[in-house]
Amino acid sequence: MKVSMRFRRRKLRPLAASASTLPDEFKVPVGHRRGIYLLPNLFTTAALFAGFFATVQAMNQRFDWAAVAIFTAMVLDGMDGRVARLTNTQTAFGAHFDSLSDMASFGVAPAIVMYEWALRGLGQWGWAAAFVYCAGAALRLARFNANIGVVDRRFFQGLPSPAAAALIAGFVWLAVDNKLQIQEVWLPWVAFGLTVYAGLTMVSSAPFYSGKSFQVGVRVPFGVMVAIVVAIFVVSLNAPIVLFMLFCGYAVSGYLYWAWRRWRGETNPARPAPRAAEAPPKH
């Protein structure tokens, strides 16, 4: 008895997606060479270098230099995005590069600086706190990238990583500048609490004002320039104390604003808006 077996031929599926299915930001116009815009990525590279420099200085026990380097990275990180928008040079490469730079400068560097300065003496508690901060920064950056376009641009969901890094660096700079003795029993545990607080606040849902509604290229009242001059003068009086107090206030502002909105029965503005339902795939 013969049994005939018939095999149906199937078409091979392409391994890579066609150019028509790629997102617009990854497409390269016909006749254009692939490349990157130099100006905004120079700022990102400089911020990355500042974060790396902070890590090296922490290993060399130069914690004041490490703290200043983290603040420098924060300033440079705030400039690259604005330069890209002003010059119309925003690209997917720049966005991904900026996220990696942020992880190094505001995730890894502050954790190592705080661990080398105060947390090492706490043993397992110390490196666990440093890891909570580092993991919180990574999760916060991943969530930020995933929620682009579905959140209110006026607010950050959770404490932004540059502000968390400034909170850590400000405390280290304040303690070193005022010659606080690390041998004091209370100081490492204060550093422990501050590090864990910053790490957990980064992955919270508290709304923190982003400042993105402020436009650099528009006219402002003359009083704004006077206020900026006064702010520079106040910071120059005692930079470690003023900056640390400033970022302490910002680090709790999200929770206070969230509680105020809940008391008024309003929703959290930092919550992602629900995405539009996608059409079912065609068979």
Protein backbone atom coordinates (compact mmCIF):
# COMPACT_ATOMS: atom_id res chain seq x y z
CA MET A 1 0.00 0.00 0.00
CA LYS A 2 1.54 3.26 -1.10
CA VAL A 3 1.01 6.40 0.91
CA SER A 4 1.54 9.61 -0.98
CA MET A 5 2.75 12.58 1.02
CA ARG A 6 2.38 16.08 -0.32
CA PHE A 7 4.44 18.98 0.97
CA ARG A 8 3.32 22.55 0.60
CA ARG A 9 6.00 25.03 -0.29
CA ARG A 10 6.13 28.13 1.86
CA LYS A 11 7.61 31.48 1.00
CA LEU A 12 10.73 32.50 2.85
CA ARG A 13 10.30 35.50 5.08
CA PRO A 14 12.89 38.28 4.83
CA LEU A 15 15.21 38.50 7.80
CA ALA A 16 15.28 42.29 7.88
CA ALA A 17 12.42 44.71 7.63
CA SER A 18 12.05 46.62 4.40
CA ALA A 19 12.82 50.32 4.30
CA SER A 20 9.13 51.18 4.02
CA THR A 21 8.37 49.62 7.41
CA LEU A 22 11.06 51.46 9.38
CA PRO A 23 10.16 54.48 11.52
CA ASP A 24 10.67 57.84 9.87
CA GLU A 25 13.55 58.86 12.13
CA PHE A 26 15.62 55.86 10.96
CA LYS A 27 15.10 56.44 7.25
CA VAL A 28 17.86 58.06 5.24
CA PRO A 29 16.76 60.26 2.32
CA VAL A 30 17.76 59.03 -1.09
CA GLY A 31 21.00 60.64 -2.23
CA HIS A 32 22.06 61.62 1.31
CA ARG A 33 25.08 60.18 3.10
CA ARG A 34 24.70 58.61 6.51
CA GLY A 35 26.21 60.67 9.28
CA ILE A 36 25.62 62.48 12.55
CA TYR A 37 25.28 66.13 13.44
CA LEU A 38 28.43 67.32 15.16
CA LEU A 39 27.31 70.24 17.34
CA PRO A 40 24.70 68.64 19.68
CA ASN A 41 26.69 65.41 19.95
CA LEU A 42 29.77 67.39 21.02
CA PHE A 43 27.82 68.57 24.07
CA THR A 44 26.70 65.01 24.78
CA THR A 45 30.28 63.73 24.47
CA ALA A 46 31.50 66.47 26.81
CA ALA A 47 28.84 65.49 29.36
CA LEU A 48 29.93 61.86 29.06
CA PHE A 49 33.54 62.87 29.64
CA ALA A 50 32.55 64.87 32.72
CA GLY A 51 30.81 61.82 34.16
CA PHE A 52 33.82 59.63 33.43
CA PHE A 53 36.12 62.26 34.97
CA ALA A 54 33.95 62.26 38.12
CA THR A 55 34.35 58.49 38.43
CA VAL A 56 38.12 58.68 38.05
CA GLN A 57 38.41 61.49 40.60
CA ALA A 58 36.32 59.51 43.10
CA MET A 59 38.77 56.62 42.76
CA ASN A 60 41.58 59.12 43.41
CA GLN A 61 39.81 60.40 46.56
CA ARG A 62 39.25 63.84 45.00
CA PHE A 63 35.59 64.04 45.86
CA ASP A 64 35.25 67.81 45.46
CA TRP A 65 36.43 67.55 41.86
CA ALA A 66 34.11 64.61 41.29
CA ALA A 67 31.11 66.59 42.55
CA VAL A 68 31.96 69.60 40.37
CA ALA A 69 32.34 67.29 37.36
CA ILE A 70 28.84 65.87 37.90
CA PHE A 71 27.38 69.39 38.04
CA THR A 72 29.30 70.20 34.84
CA ALA A 73 27.80 67.13 33.16
CA MET A 74 24.35 68.29 34.23
CA VAL A 75 24.85 71.69 32.59
CA LEU A 76 26.17 70.14 29.38
CA ASP A 77 23.33 67.61 29.31
CA GLY A 78 20.80 70.42 29.53
CA MET A 79 22.41 72.17 26.59
CA ASP A 80 22.68 69.37 24.01
CA GLY A 81 18.92 68.90 23.60
CA ARG A 82 18.24 72.62 23.38
CA VAL A 83 21.04 73.09 20.85
CA ALA A 84 19.60 70.24 18.75
CA ARG A 85 16.13 71.81 18.81
CA LEU A 86 17.40 75.32 18.05
CA THR A 87 19.50 74.11 15.12
CA ASN A 88 16.93 71.54 13.94
CA THR A 89 19.47 68.71 14.26
CA GLN A 90 17.44 66.20 16.30
CA THR A 91 18.10 62.57 15.34
CA ALA A 92 17.41 59.12 16.75
CA PHE A 93 21.16 58.62 17.13
CA GLY A 94 21.42 61.74 19.28
CA ALA A 95 18.54 60.62 21.50
CA HIS A 96 20.07 57.17 22.10
CA PHE A 97 23.54 58.62 22.62
CA ASP A 98 22.14 61.08 25.15
CA SER A 99 20.48 58.26 27.13
CA LEU A 100 23.73 56.27 27.30
CA SER A 101 25.62 59.38 28.35
CA ASP A 102 23.04 60.08 31.06
CA MET A 103 23.39 56.55 32.42
CA ALA A 104 27.16 56.95 32.74
CA SER A 105 27.13 60.52 34.10
CA PHE A 106 24.03 60.47 36.30
CA GLY A 107 23.63 56.76 37.07
CA VAL A 108 27.03 55.11 37.45
CA ALA A 109 29.20 58.11 38.39
CA PRO A 110 27.15 59.39 41.38
CA ALA A 111 26.75 55.85 42.73
CA ILE A 112 30.52 55.27 42.64
CA VAL A 113 31.28 58.72 44.08
CA MET A 114 28.93 58.19 47.02
CA TYR A 115 30.15 54.64 47.59
CA GLU A 116 33.81 55.60 47.57
CA TRP A 117 33.18 58.60 49.83
CA ALA A 118 30.81 57.31 52.53
CA LEU A 119 29.09 54.01 51.76
CA ARG A 120 32.11 51.72 51.61
CA GLY A 121 32.34 51.58 55.39
CA LEU A 122 28.76 50.26 55.65
CA GLY A 123 29.68 46.97 53.97
CA GLN A 124 26.79 45.24 52.21
CA TRP A 125 24.40 48.04 53.12
CA GLY A 126 26.67 50.50 51.34
CA TRP A 127 27.00 48.77 48.00
CA ALA A 128 23.32 47.78 48.10
CA ALA A 129 22.34 51.46 48.42
CA ALA A 130 24.67 52.38 45.55
CA PHE A 131 23.10 49.66 43.39
CA VAL A 132 19.57 50.85 44.22
CA TYR A 133 20.55 54.28 42.94
CA CYS A 134 22.24 52.93 39.81
CA ALA A 135 19.33 50.60 38.96
CA GLY A 136 16.83 53.38 39.62
CA ALA A 137 18.63 55.62 37.11
CA ALA A 138 18.62 52.87 34.46
CA LEU A 139 14.91 52.13 34.97
CA ARG A 140 14.06 55.80 34.97
CA LEU A 141 15.84 56.40 31.64
CA ALA A 142 14.23 53.32 30.07
CA ARG A 143 10.76 54.44 31.17
CA PHE A 144 11.40 57.96 29.90
CA ASN A 145 12.35 56.66 26.45
CA ALA A 146 9.34 54.34 26.34
CA ASN A 147 6.89 57.11 27.29
CA ILE A 148 8.05 59.77 24.82
CA GLY A 149 4.98 61.29 23.21
CA VAL A 150 2.45 59.93 25.73
CA VAL A 151 3.23 62.09 28.79
CA ASP A 152 2.71 65.76 29.58
CA ARG A 153 5.90 67.55 28.52
CA ARG A 154 5.53 70.01 31.41
CA PHE A 155 6.33 67.30 33.98
CA PHE A 156 8.76 64.43 34.49
CA GLN A 157 7.45 61.14 35.81
CA GLY A 158 9.76 60.62 38.75
CA LEU A 159 12.84 62.59 39.71
CA PRO A 160 15.00 63.16 36.59
CA SER A 161 18.39 61.51 36.77
CA PRO A 162 20.42 64.76 36.45
CA ALA A 163 18.60 66.19 39.48
CA ALA A 164 19.16 62.97 41.43
CA ALA A 165 22.85 63.12 40.55
CA ALA A 166 22.99 66.77 41.63
CA LEU A 167 21.40 65.80 44.96
CA ILE A 168 24.13 63.21 45.56
CA ALA A 169 26.97 65.39 44.29
CA GLY A 170 25.69 68.40 46.23
CA PHE A 171 25.74 66.48 49.51
CA VAL A 172 29.28 65.21 48.88
CA TRP A 173 30.51 68.67 47.88
CA LEU A 174 28.83 70.26 50.91
CA ALA A 175 30.39 67.77 53.31
CA VAL A 176 33.87 67.98 51.79
CA ASP A 177 33.80 71.79 51.58
CA ASN A 178 32.78 72.09 55.22
CA LYS A 179 35.27 69.40 56.24
CA LEU A 180 32.70 67.11 57.83
CA GLN A 181 34.42 64.05 59.22
CA ILE A 182 33.35 60.84 57.50
CA GLN A 183 34.28 58.97 60.67
CA GLU A 184 31.18 60.37 62.36
CA VAL A 185 28.66 57.57 62.90
CA TRP A 186 25.67 59.51 61.54
CA LEU A 187 27.20 60.76 58.29
CA PRO A 188 27.42 57.43 56.34
CA TRP A 189 23.83 56.61 57.29
CA VAL A 190 22.62 60.01 56.11
CA ALA A 191 24.43 59.31 52.84
CA PHE A 192 22.76 55.89 52.75
CA GLY A 193 19.27 57.37 53.22
CA LEU A 194 19.86 60.10 50.64
CA THR A 195 21.15 57.61 48.06
CA VAL A 196 18.21 55.23 48.49
CA TYR A 197 15.75 58.14 48.45
CA ALA A 198 17.17 59.46 45.18
CA GLY A 199 17.13 55.99 43.57
CA LEU A 200 13.54 55.22 44.54
CA THR A 201 12.26 58.70 43.70
CA MET A 202 13.58 58.33 40.16
CA VAL A 203 11.23 55.37 39.57
CA SER A 204 8.27 56.91 41.38
CA SER A 205 5.27 58.44 39.61
CA ALA A 206 5.57 61.82 41.34
CA PRO A 207 5.31 64.75 38.90
CA PHE A 208 8.39 66.99 38.78
CA TYR A 209 8.33 70.20 36.77
CA SER A 210 10.42 69.77 33.63
CA GLY A 211 10.96 73.36 32.53
CA LYS A 212 10.44 72.35 28.90
CA SER A 213 7.65 74.91 28.53
CA PHE A 214 10.29 77.64 28.95
CA GLN A 215 11.41 78.78 25.49
CA VAL A 216 14.90 80.21 25.12
CA GLY A 217 14.26 81.98 21.82
CA VAL A 218 11.37 84.18 22.98
CA ARG A 219 11.29 87.64 24.51
CA VAL A 220 11.11 87.82 28.31
CA PRO A 221 10.49 90.74 30.69
CA PHE A 222 13.52 92.67 31.87
CA GLY A 223 12.90 91.42 35.41
CA VAL A 224 13.76 87.89 34.31
CA MET A 225 17.32 88.93 33.52
CA VAL A 226 17.57 90.70 36.88
CA ALA A 227 16.36 87.51 38.62
CA ILE A 228 19.00 85.46 36.78
CA VAL A 229 21.75 87.87 37.88
CA VAL A 230 20.54 87.67 41.49
CA ALA A 231 20.46 83.85 41.30
CA ILE A 232 24.05 83.75 40.03
CA PHE A 233 25.11 86.06 42.86
CA VAL A 234 23.41 83.90 45.51
CA VAL A 235 24.98 80.70 44.16
CA SER A 236 28.42 82.31 44.07
CA LEU A 237 28.19 83.16 47.79
CA ASN A 238 28.43 79.50 48.80
CA ALA A 239 27.87 77.17 45.88
CA PRO A 240 27.85 73.83 47.78
CA ILE A 241 25.21 74.91 50.31
CA VAL A 242 23.00 76.81 47.86
CA LEU A 243 23.02 74.07 45.20
CA PHE A 244 22.37 71.29 47.70
CA MET A 245 19.44 73.17 49.28
CA LEU A 246 18.08 74.00 45.83
CA PHE A 247 18.03 70.38 44.70
CA CYS A 248 16.72 69.19 48.07
CA GLY A 249 13.73 71.45 47.51
CA TYR A 250 13.29 70.15 43.97
CA ALA A 251 13.59 66.52 45.12
CA VAL A 252 10.58 66.90 47.45
CA SER A 253 8.57 69.27 45.23
CA GLY A 254 7.14 66.42 43.17
CA TYR A 255 5.67 64.67 46.18
CA LEU A 256 4.23 67.92 47.55
CA TYR A 257 2.62 68.81 44.23
CA TRP A 258 1.29 65.26 43.85
CA ALA A 259 -0.26 65.38 47.33
CA TRP A 260 -1.80 68.80 46.60
CA ARG A 261 -3.43 67.51 43.41
CA ARG A 262 -4.74 64.40 45.17
CA TRP A 263 -6.21 66.63 47.89
CA ARG A 264 -8.02 68.61 45.17
CA GLY A 265 -9.20 65.39 43.52
CA GLU A 266 -7.10 65.91 40.38
CA THR A 267 -5.17 63.27 38.49
CA ASN A 268 -1.40 62.94 38.29
CA PRO A 269 -0.23 64.98 35.25
CA ALA A 270 2.89 62.82 34.87
CA ARG A 271 0.91 59.64 34.22
CA PRO A 272 1.26 58.43 30.60
CA ALA A 273 -1.82 58.97 28.47
CA PRO A 274 -3.39 55.73 27.17
CA ARG A 275 -2.19 54.88 23.70
CA ALA A 276 -4.68 54.67 20.89
CA ALA A 277 -5.93 51.14 20.27
CA GLU A 278 -4.13 49.56 17.38
CA ALA A 279 -6.07 48.01 14.58
CA PRO A 280 -6.13 44.19 14.57
CA PRO A 281 -3.65 42.60 12.17
CA LYS A 282 -4.98 41.47 8.81
CA HIS A 283 -4.84 37.76 8.09
